[in-house]
N, C-alpha and C. Protein backbone atom coordinates (compact mmCIF):
# COMPACT_ATOMS: atom_id res chain seq x y z
N MET A 1 -10.00 22.57 2.23
CA MET A 1 -9.95 21.28 2.76
C MET A 1 -8.67 20.23 1.98
N ALA A 2 -8.22 19.86 2.69
CA ALA A 2 -6.98 18.88 2.23
C ALA A 2 -7.33 17.63 2.50
N PHE A 3 -7.04 16.50 1.33
CA PHE A 3 -7.45 15.17 1.53
C PHE A 3 -6.10 14.51 1.60
N ARG A 4 -6.41 13.03 2.03
CA ARG A 4 -5.04 12.42 2.36
C ARG A 4 -5.16 11.59 1.52
N LYS A 5 -4.04 11.25 0.83
CA LYS A 5 -4.10 9.58 0.10
C LYS A 5 -2.71 8.88 1.07
N PRO A 6 -3.40 7.91 1.71
CA PRO A 6 -2.43 6.97 2.51
C PRO A 6 -1.57 6.33 1.57
N ASN A 7 -0.36 5.87 1.87
CA ASN A 7 0.97 5.49 1.54
C ASN A 7 0.62 3.86 1.58
N ILE A 8 0.42 2.87 0.60
CA ILE A 8 0.16 1.96 0.67
C ILE A 8 1.07 1.12 0.32
N ALA A 9 1.16 -0.41 0.60
CA ALA A 9 2.00 -1.61 -0.20
C ALA A 9 1.59 -2.58 0.26
N PRO A 10 2.02 -3.64 -0.34
CA PRO A 10 1.86 -4.99 -0.40
C PRO A 10 2.37 -5.57 1.26
N MET A 11 1.25 -6.21 1.71
CA MET A 11 1.42 -6.80 2.84
C MET A 11 2.81 -7.33 3.26
N SER A 12 3.56 -8.28 2.21
CA SER A 12 4.90 -8.98 2.54
C SER A 12 5.75 -7.85 2.40
N GLN A 13 5.67 -6.79 1.88
CA GLN A 13 7.24 -6.02 1.94
C GLN A 13 6.89 -4.88 3.20
N VAL A 14 5.99 -4.97 3.86
CA VAL A 14 5.89 -4.12 5.15
C VAL A 14 6.21 -4.61 6.32
N PRO A 15 7.22 -4.08 7.26
CA PRO A 15 7.24 -5.17 8.53
C PRO A 15 6.17 -4.81 9.53
N PRO A 16 5.83 -5.94 10.35
CA PRO A 16 4.57 -5.76 11.09
C PRO A 16 4.53 -4.65 11.94
N GLN A 17 5.49 -3.88 12.36
CA GLN A 17 5.34 -2.95 13.45
C GLN A 17 4.76 -1.85 12.46
N ARG A 18 5.07 -1.77 11.07
CA ARG A 18 4.40 -0.38 10.30
C ARG A 18 3.30 -0.88 9.70
N ARG A 19 2.27 -1.90 9.67
CA ARG A 19 1.45 -2.26 9.16
C ARG A 19 0.12 -1.72 9.57
N GLY A 20 -0.56 -0.96 8.66
CA GLY A 20 -1.67 -0.36 9.20
C GLY A 20 -3.10 -1.20 8.86
N ARG A 21 -4.06 -0.68 8.35
CA ARG A 21 -5.45 -1.26 8.08
C ARG A 21 -5.29 -1.95 6.53
N VAL A 22 -6.09 -3.00 6.46
CA VAL A 22 -5.91 -3.45 5.08
C VAL A 22 -6.85 -2.61 4.32
N VAL A 23 -6.21 -1.86 3.04
CA VAL A 23 -6.94 -1.12 2.14
C VAL A 23 -7.64 -1.79 0.76
N GLY A 24 -6.86 -2.77 0.65
CA GLY A 24 -7.39 -3.19 -0.43
C GLY A 24 -6.53 -4.65 -1.11
N ARG A 25 -6.67 -4.98 -2.37
CA ARG A 25 -5.98 -6.06 -2.78
C ARG A 25 -4.88 -5.51 -3.96
N PHE A 26 -3.72 -6.11 -3.75
CA PHE A 26 -2.64 -5.63 -4.79
C PHE A 26 -2.05 -6.82 -5.51
N CYS A 27 -2.20 -6.38 -7.02
CA CYS A 27 -1.90 -7.30 -7.90
C CYS A 27 -0.42 -7.23 -8.26
N HIS A 28 0.26 -8.45 -8.13
CA HIS A 28 1.59 -8.30 -8.41
C HIS A 28 2.03 -8.43 -10.02
N ALA A 29 1.31 -8.53 -10.50
CA ALA A 29 1.40 -8.51 -12.16
C ALA A 29 1.01 -7.04 -12.85
N CYS A 30 0.21 -6.44 -12.32
CA CYS A 30 0.01 -5.21 -12.81
C CYS A 30 0.28 -4.00 -11.79
N GLY A 31 0.34 -4.14 -10.72
CA GLY A 31 0.64 -3.45 -9.69
C GLY A 31 -0.55 -2.46 -8.97
N GLY A 32 -1.77 -2.89 -9.60
CA GLY A 32 -2.84 -2.39 -9.30
C GLY A 32 -3.31 -2.65 -7.84
N VAL A 33 -4.12 -1.48 -7.43
CA VAL A 33 -4.83 -2.03 -6.00
C VAL A 33 -6.20 -1.95 -6.05
N PHE A 34 -7.09 -3.05 -5.66
CA PHE A 34 -8.33 -3.33 -5.91
C PHE A 34 -9.21 -3.03 -4.74
N MET A 35 -10.48 -2.59 -4.57
CA MET A 35 -11.26 -2.66 -3.36
C MET A 35 -10.98 -3.86 -2.51
N ARG A 36 -11.06 -3.73 -1.37
CA ARG A 36 -10.99 -4.73 -0.17
C ARG A 36 -11.56 -5.94 -0.58
N HIS A 37 -12.79 -5.24 -0.98
CA HIS A 37 -13.87 -6.65 -1.06
C HIS A 37 -14.42 -7.07 -2.47
N ALA A 38 -13.44 -6.68 -3.25
CA ALA A 38 -13.64 -7.00 -4.64
C ALA A 38 -13.49 -8.69 -4.80
N THR A 39 -14.39 -9.27 -5.46
CA THR A 39 -14.31 -10.71 -5.91
C THR A 39 -13.37 -11.10 -7.02
N VAL A 40 -13.54 -10.01 -8.20
CA VAL A 40 -12.77 -10.39 -9.31
C VAL A 40 -11.90 -9.09 -10.12
N HIS A 41 -10.79 -9.68 -10.48
CA HIS A 41 -9.80 -8.48 -10.86
C HIS A 41 -10.39 -7.83 -12.16
N ARG A 42 -10.97 -6.72 -12.00
CA ARG A 42 -11.40 -5.66 -12.95
C ARG A 42 -10.37 -4.92 -13.58
N GLY A 43 -10.30 -4.59 -14.82
CA GLY A 43 -9.27 -3.73 -15.40
C GLY A 43 -8.63 -2.56 -14.75
N LYS A 44 -9.51 -1.50 -13.93
CA LYS A 44 -9.15 -0.39 -13.25
C LYS A 44 -9.25 -0.39 -12.13
N GLY A 45 -8.26 -0.40 -11.39
CA GLY A 45 -8.35 -0.74 -9.60
C GLY A 45 -8.70 0.80 -8.98
N LEU A 46 -8.39 1.06 -8.07
CA LEU A 46 -8.91 2.12 -7.08
C LEU A 46 -8.14 3.42 -7.70
N GLY A 47 -8.80 4.45 -8.18
CA GLY A 47 -8.06 5.45 -9.01
C GLY A 47 -6.85 6.04 -8.62
N LEU A 48 -6.75 6.24 -7.07
CA LEU A 48 -5.52 6.66 -6.66
C LEU A 48 -4.38 5.88 -6.72
N PHE A 49 -4.39 4.54 -6.81
CA PHE A 49 -3.35 3.67 -6.70
C PHE A 49 -3.14 3.00 -7.98
N THR A 50 -3.47 3.10 -9.01
CA THR A 50 -3.49 2.58 -10.45
C THR A 50 -2.90 3.62 -11.26
N ARG A 51 -2.33 3.09 -12.41
CA ARG A 51 -1.57 3.90 -13.59
C ARG A 51 -2.80 4.41 -14.32
N ASP A 52 -2.27 5.76 -14.83
CA ASP A 52 -3.46 6.36 -15.50
C ASP A 52 -3.68 5.88 -16.87
N HIS A 53 -2.49 5.26 -17.45
CA HIS A 53 -2.66 4.75 -18.93
C HIS A 53 -2.20 3.57 -18.94
N VAL A 54 -2.98 2.32 -19.35
CA VAL A 54 -2.46 1.13 -19.41
C VAL A 54 -2.35 0.40 -20.66
N ALA A 55 -1.43 0.34 -21.43
CA ALA A 55 -1.31 0.04 -22.87
C ALA A 55 -2.15 -1.38 -23.01
N ALA A 56 -1.82 -2.63 -21.92
CA ALA A 56 -2.28 -3.76 -22.37
C ALA A 56 -3.14 -4.08 -21.03
N PRO A 57 -4.07 -4.89 -20.93
CA PRO A 57 -4.70 -5.62 -20.03
C PRO A 57 -3.86 -6.48 -19.13
N CYS A 58 -4.09 -6.48 -18.01
CA CYS A 58 -3.22 -7.22 -17.03
C CYS A 58 -3.66 -8.76 -17.45
N THR A 59 -2.85 -9.63 -17.29
CA THR A 59 -2.90 -11.09 -17.48
C THR A 59 -3.97 -11.59 -16.61
N TYR A 60 -4.12 -11.22 -15.57
CA TYR A 60 -5.15 -11.57 -14.52
C TYR A 60 -6.66 -11.06 -14.33
N GLU A 61 -6.71 -10.14 -15.22
CA GLU A 61 -7.82 -9.44 -15.31
C GLU A 61 -8.99 -10.43 -15.83
N GLY A 62 -9.95 -10.18 -14.93
CA GLY A 62 -11.24 -11.32 -15.09
C GLY A 62 -11.19 -12.47 -13.94
N GLU A 63 -9.86 -12.68 -13.49
CA GLU A 63 -9.59 -13.64 -12.58
C GLU A 63 -10.38 -13.37 -11.42
N PRO A 64 -10.72 -14.40 -10.53
CA PRO A 64 -11.27 -14.03 -9.09
C PRO A 64 -10.46 -14.31 -8.19
N PHE A 65 -10.25 -13.49 -6.75
CA PHE A 65 -9.47 -13.19 -5.92
C PHE A 65 -9.61 -14.46 -4.81
N GLU A 66 -8.87 -15.42 -5.28
CA GLU A 66 -9.15 -16.73 -4.27
C GLU A 66 -8.14 -16.49 -3.48
N ALA A 67 -8.23 -17.15 -2.48
CA ALA A 67 -7.54 -17.30 -1.05
C ALA A 67 -6.29 -18.17 -1.67
N GLY A 68 -5.15 -18.04 -1.35
CA GLY A 68 -4.03 -18.75 -1.73
C GLY A 68 -3.31 -18.75 -3.10
N ALA A 69 -3.98 -18.00 -3.74
CA ALA A 69 -3.46 -17.41 -5.24
C ALA A 69 -2.29 -16.87 -5.07
N ASP A 70 -1.18 -17.10 -6.06
CA ASP A 70 0.00 -16.21 -5.57
C ASP A 70 0.36 -15.03 -6.61
N TRP A 71 -0.56 -14.50 -6.97
CA TRP A 71 -0.52 -13.40 -8.04
C TRP A 71 -1.17 -12.15 -7.28
N TRP A 72 -1.70 -12.15 -6.18
CA TRP A 72 -2.17 -11.29 -5.28
C TRP A 72 -2.02 -11.36 -4.07
N GLU A 73 -2.06 -10.03 -3.06
CA GLU A 73 -2.13 -10.26 -1.66
C GLU A 73 -2.73 -9.01 -1.13
N PHE A 74 -3.11 -8.64 -0.03
CA PHE A 74 -3.63 -7.68 0.47
C PHE A 74 -2.75 -6.67 0.55
N ALA A 75 -3.16 -5.33 0.43
CA ALA A 75 -2.46 -3.82 0.50
C ALA A 75 -2.97 -3.58 1.85
N VAL A 76 -1.63 -2.97 2.64
CA VAL A 76 -1.80 -2.08 3.72
C VAL A 76 -1.40 -0.91 3.94
N GLU A 77 -1.94 -0.11 4.52
CA GLU A 77 -1.48 1.20 4.99
C GLU A 77 -0.09 1.27 5.61
N LEU A 78 0.71 2.10 5.26
CA LEU A 78 2.10 2.08 5.67
C LEU A 78 1.97 2.99 6.88
N LEU A 79 2.30 2.57 7.96
CA LEU A 79 2.32 3.67 9.32
C LEU A 79 3.78 4.22 8.98
N PRO A 80 3.71 5.53 9.77
CA PRO A 80 5.04 5.97 9.92
C PRO A 80 6.01 5.40 10.86
N ALA A 81 7.27 5.54 10.48
CA ALA A 81 8.47 4.66 11.25
C ALA A 81 8.26 5.25 12.59
N PRO A 82 8.61 4.43 13.74
CA PRO A 82 8.55 4.84 15.07
C PRO A 82 10.04 5.78 15.23
N ALA A 83 9.70 6.37 16.15
CA ALA A 83 11.13 7.48 16.59
C ALA A 83 12.09 6.29 17.10
N THR A 84 13.26 6.71 16.83
CA THR A 84 14.32 6.36 17.26
C THR A 84 15.02 7.04 18.19
N GLU A 85 15.75 6.62 19.43
CA GLU A 85 16.71 7.48 20.19
C GLU A 85 17.55 8.43 19.57
N GLU A 86 18.14 8.19 18.50
CA GLU A 86 19.14 8.92 17.84
C GLU A 86 18.35 10.38 17.26
N ALA A 87 16.85 10.07 16.60
CA ALA A 87 16.30 11.15 16.31
C ALA A 87 15.91 11.77 17.48
N GLU A 88 15.43 11.27 18.45
CA GLU A 88 15.27 12.04 19.92
C GLU A 88 16.25 12.83 20.28
N GLU A 89 17.64 12.46 20.38
CA GLU A 89 18.74 12.97 20.80
C GLU A 89 18.88 14.43 20.00
N THR A 90 18.78 14.36 18.59
CA THR A 90 19.22 15.27 17.73
C THR A 90 18.19 16.25 17.47
N GLU A 91 16.73 15.94 18.34
CA GLU A 91 16.02 17.01 18.33
C GLU A 91 16.29 17.90 19.96
N GLU A 92 16.75 16.98 20.52
CA GLU A 92 16.91 17.73 22.13
C GLU A 92 18.31 18.39 21.58
N THR A 93 19.25 18.11 21.00
CA THR A 93 20.46 19.15 20.76
C THR A 93 20.07 20.38 20.00
N ALA A 94 19.14 20.21 19.10
CA ALA A 94 18.78 21.40 18.16
C ALA A 94 17.96 22.44 19.04
N ASP A 95 17.34 21.66 19.95
CA ASP A 95 16.34 22.64 20.77
C ASP A 95 17.21 23.51 21.91
N SER A 96 18.37 22.95 22.46
CA SER A 96 19.17 23.55 23.34
C SER A 96 19.78 24.70 23.13
N PRO A 97 19.87 25.72 23.66
CA PRO A 97 20.84 26.81 23.35
C PRO A 97 22.34 26.57 23.36
N ALA A 98 23.19 27.30 22.44
CA ALA A 98 24.56 26.84 22.13
C ALA A 98 25.42 27.69 23.16
């Protein structure tokens, strides 16, 4: 059985057409992703999306995730890039016999 780890990124860094569902809260200071419904920045975020070893605590550890704060934003799942016409033409020429 294979498990899938979604590609995630801060919402502001993903174009609207590639934004998937909101998966958590991204801290700009430590780069950690925390549960979507978390109310306070706790040291260790979601295991798949944080560093294994952190030498020092985050500056915002213990701070509430308040709306309008500039140190965090929502993290979204990164959707695959839409197919372009060039990619489709390349696939068609590769399939056709020479």
